[in-house]
Amino acid sequence: MALAADALARIHDRRVDFVTSPDAPPGLSRDIEGVLSGADAAVIFSGNKE
């Protein structure tokens, strides 16, 4: 719904390696401060133990 309303989605994943993952989706970043800068909302998903 947010994307249908032209919301900008930015994604943070500190584990992604852009050298070995050239097909990483647009908007993916290792910079959490940059991803959250100016954000109106944040959603957190975690598939690891940390």
Protein backbone atom coordinates (compact mmCIF):
# COMPACT_ATOMS: atom_id res chain seq x y z
CA MET A 1 0.00 0.00 0.00
CA ALA A 2 2.81 2.40 0.82
CA LEU A 3 4.52 1.75 -2.51
CA ALA A 4 1.20 2.25 -4.31
CA ALA A 5 1.06 5.69 -2.67
CA ASP A 6 4.50 6.52 -4.16
CA ALA A 7 6.34 6.03 -0.87
CA LEU A 8 10.10 5.70 -1.14
CA ALA A 9 11.39 2.40 0.26
CA ARG A 10 14.99 2.18 1.42
CA ILE A 11 16.46 -1.03 2.77
CA HIS A 12 19.35 -1.55 5.18
CA ASP A 13 21.30 -4.78 5.41
CA ARG A 14 24.72 -4.58 6.99
CA ARG A 15 25.57 -8.08 5.80
CA VAL A 16 25.12 -7.52 2.07
CA ASP A 17 28.27 -7.57 -0.02
CA PHE A 18 27.67 -5.65 -3.23
CA VAL A 19 30.70 -7.28 -4.87
CA THR A 20 29.28 -10.79 -4.49
CA SER A 21 25.63 -9.67 -4.80
CA PRO A 22 25.46 -7.52 -7.96
CA ASP A 23 21.72 -8.28 -8.24
CA ALA A 24 20.93 -6.65 -4.88
CA PRO A 25 17.65 -4.69 -5.08
CA PRO A 26 17.65 -0.93 -5.65
CA GLY A 27 17.57 1.09 -2.44
CA LEU A 28 19.62 -1.46 -0.52
CA SER A 29 22.33 0.11 1.61
CA ARG A 30 24.78 -0.80 4.36
CA ASP A 31 24.46 2.76 5.75
CA ILE A 32 21.76 2.69 8.46
CA GLU A 33 22.02 6.41 9.18
CA GLY A 34 21.51 7.22 5.52
CA VAL A 35 18.55 4.87 5.22
CA LEU A 36 16.81 6.33 8.27
CA SER A 37 17.63 9.98 7.50
CA GLY A 38 14.39 11.83 6.82
CA ALA A 39 12.27 8.70 7.22
CA ASP A 40 8.70 9.04 8.45
CA ALA A 41 8.51 5.38 9.42
CA ALA A 42 10.73 2.33 9.88
CA VAL A 43 9.92 -1.36 9.69
CA ILE A 44 12.29 -3.91 11.16
CA PHE A 45 12.51 -7.50 9.93
CA SER A 46 15.16 -9.86 11.19
CA GLY A 47 15.91 -13.34 10.00
CA ASN A 48 18.97 -13.88 12.13
CA LYS A 49 19.79 -14.40 15.82
CA GLU A 50 21.29 -10.93 16.39
